[in-house]
N, C-alpha and C. Protein backbone atom coordinates (compact mmCIF):
# COMPACT_ATOMS: atom_id res chain seq x y z
N MET A 1 53.91 -16.61 -58.11
CA MET A 1 54.06 -17.10 -59.53
C MET A 1 52.47 -17.51 -59.94
N LEU A 2 52.54 -17.21 -61.30
CA LEU A 2 51.26 -17.31 -61.92
C LEU A 2 51.03 -18.77 -62.24
N VAL A 3 49.70 -19.02 -62.22
CA VAL A 3 49.05 -20.19 -62.57
C VAL A 3 48.61 -20.42 -63.96
N ASN A 4 49.33 -21.29 -64.70
CA ASN A 4 48.89 -21.32 -66.03
C ASN A 4 48.37 -22.94 -66.44
N ASN A 5 47.47 -23.24 -65.90
CA ASN A 5 46.92 -24.77 -65.98
C ASN A 5 46.48 -24.95 -67.28
N PHE A 6 45.70 -23.78 -67.97
CA PHE A 6 44.96 -24.10 -69.02
C PHE A 6 45.99 -24.34 -70.35
N LEU A 7 47.29 -24.46 -70.09
CA LEU A 7 48.08 -24.83 -71.16
C LEU A 7 48.64 -26.57 -70.97
N GLY A 8 47.85 -26.87 -70.17
CA GLY A 8 48.37 -28.33 -69.62
C GLY A 8 49.71 -28.55 -69.61
N GLY A 9 50.66 -27.64 -68.98
CA GLY A 9 51.98 -27.93 -68.69
C GLY A 9 52.62 -28.25 -69.52
N ARG A 10 52.60 -27.76 -70.94
CA ARG A 10 53.39 -28.05 -72.28
C ARG A 10 54.42 -26.97 -72.34
N TYR A 11 54.35 -25.84 -71.43
CA TYR A 11 55.45 -24.84 -71.65
C TYR A 11 56.02 -24.86 -70.42
N ASP A 12 57.15 -24.19 -70.42
CA ASP A 12 57.96 -23.83 -69.05
C ASP A 12 57.35 -22.81 -68.41
N ASP A 13 57.28 -23.06 -67.17
CA ASP A 13 56.28 -22.12 -66.15
C ASP A 13 57.16 -20.67 -66.29
N ARG A 14 58.42 -20.85 -66.15
CA ARG A 14 59.12 -19.25 -65.93
C ARG A 14 58.92 -18.57 -67.16
N GLU A 15 59.24 -19.17 -68.34
CA GLU A 15 58.87 -18.60 -69.81
C GLU A 15 57.71 -18.09 -69.85
N LEU A 16 56.63 -19.05 -69.50
CA LEU A 16 55.27 -18.58 -69.83
C LEU A 16 54.70 -17.27 -68.71
N GLU A 17 55.39 -17.43 -67.60
CA GLU A 17 55.22 -16.19 -66.74
C GLU A 17 55.79 -14.88 -67.17
N GLU A 18 57.05 -15.03 -67.80
CA GLU A 18 57.46 -13.81 -68.40
C GLU A 18 56.56 -13.35 -69.44
N TYR A 19 56.05 -14.37 -70.30
CA TYR A 19 55.16 -13.95 -71.44
C TYR A 19 53.85 -13.38 -70.97
N THR A 20 53.23 -14.04 -69.88
CA THR A 20 52.12 -13.59 -69.34
C THR A 20 52.18 -12.22 -68.88
N LYS A 21 53.31 -11.77 -68.08
CA LYS A 21 53.53 -10.62 -67.71
C LYS A 21 53.55 -9.35 -68.64
N ALA A 22 54.36 -9.84 -69.81
CA ALA A 22 54.46 -9.05 -71.01
C ALA A 22 53.28 -8.72 -71.54
N LEU A 23 52.15 -9.66 -71.78
CA LEU A 23 50.82 -9.53 -72.03
C LEU A 23 50.03 -8.58 -71.25
N TRP A 24 50.15 -8.55 -69.87
CA TRP A 24 49.73 -7.86 -68.93
C TRP A 24 50.15 -6.14 -69.16
N ASN A 25 51.17 -6.28 -69.24
CA ASN A 25 52.11 -4.84 -69.25
C ASN A 25 51.90 -4.17 -70.78
N SER A 26 51.43 -5.05 -71.76
CA SER A 26 51.08 -4.55 -73.11
C SER A 26 49.83 -3.84 -73.23
N ALA A 27 49.66 -3.01 -74.24
CA ALA A 27 48.42 -2.38 -74.74
C ALA A 27 47.36 -3.62 -74.85
N PRO A 28 46.11 -3.26 -74.50
CA PRO A 28 45.06 -4.21 -74.76
C PRO A 28 44.94 -4.84 -76.12
N ILE A 29 44.84 -6.17 -76.26
CA ILE A 29 44.76 -6.60 -77.28
C ILE A 29 43.44 -7.62 -77.68
N THR A 30 43.17 -7.71 -78.76
CA THR A 30 41.76 -8.46 -79.03
C THR A 30 41.98 -9.67 -79.55
N LEU A 31 41.77 -10.79 -78.76
CA LEU A 31 42.05 -12.27 -79.08
C LEU A 31 40.83 -12.74 -80.03
N PRO A 32 40.81 -13.33 -81.07
CA PRO A 32 39.63 -13.83 -81.79
C PRO A 32 39.18 -15.20 -81.07
N LYS A 33 37.99 -15.48 -81.40
CA LYS A 33 37.40 -16.94 -81.04
C LYS A 33 37.57 -17.13 -79.43
N LEU A 34 37.12 -16.08 -78.59
CA LEU A 34 37.36 -16.44 -77.13
C LEU A 34 35.78 -16.36 -76.54
N HIS A 35 34.89 -16.94 -77.24
CA HIS A 35 33.38 -16.82 -76.83
C HIS A 35 32.89 -18.16 -75.92
N GLY A 36 33.83 -18.99 -75.80
CA GLY A 36 33.31 -20.32 -75.16
C GLY A 36 33.13 -20.09 -73.65
N LYS A 37 32.40 -21.11 -72.93
CA LYS A 37 32.22 -20.85 -71.55
C LYS A 37 33.58 -20.80 -70.66
N GLY A 38 34.25 -21.50 -71.12
CA GLY A 38 35.65 -21.63 -70.41
C GLY A 38 36.87 -20.74 -70.78
N ASP A 39 36.46 -19.91 -71.84
CA ASP A 39 37.56 -18.99 -72.29
C ASP A 39 38.07 -17.85 -71.39
N TYR A 40 36.94 -17.40 -70.51
CA TYR A 40 36.96 -16.30 -69.61
C TYR A 40 37.00 -16.83 -68.18
N LYS A 41 37.98 -16.38 -67.34
CA LYS A 41 38.02 -16.69 -66.22
C LYS A 41 38.15 -15.20 -65.19
N ALA A 42 37.12 -14.79 -64.42
CA ALA A 42 37.18 -13.57 -63.60
C ALA A 42 38.10 -13.58 -62.38
């Protein structure tokens, strides 16, 4: 199961996991305004 703590638990974990998998399986996308210290986690 994926850990999605960055959303503060406001979304259903199962739904969010499916969405996250869809993002990982999709073509690379560019998200704007993700240049803060906590925006990227290796």
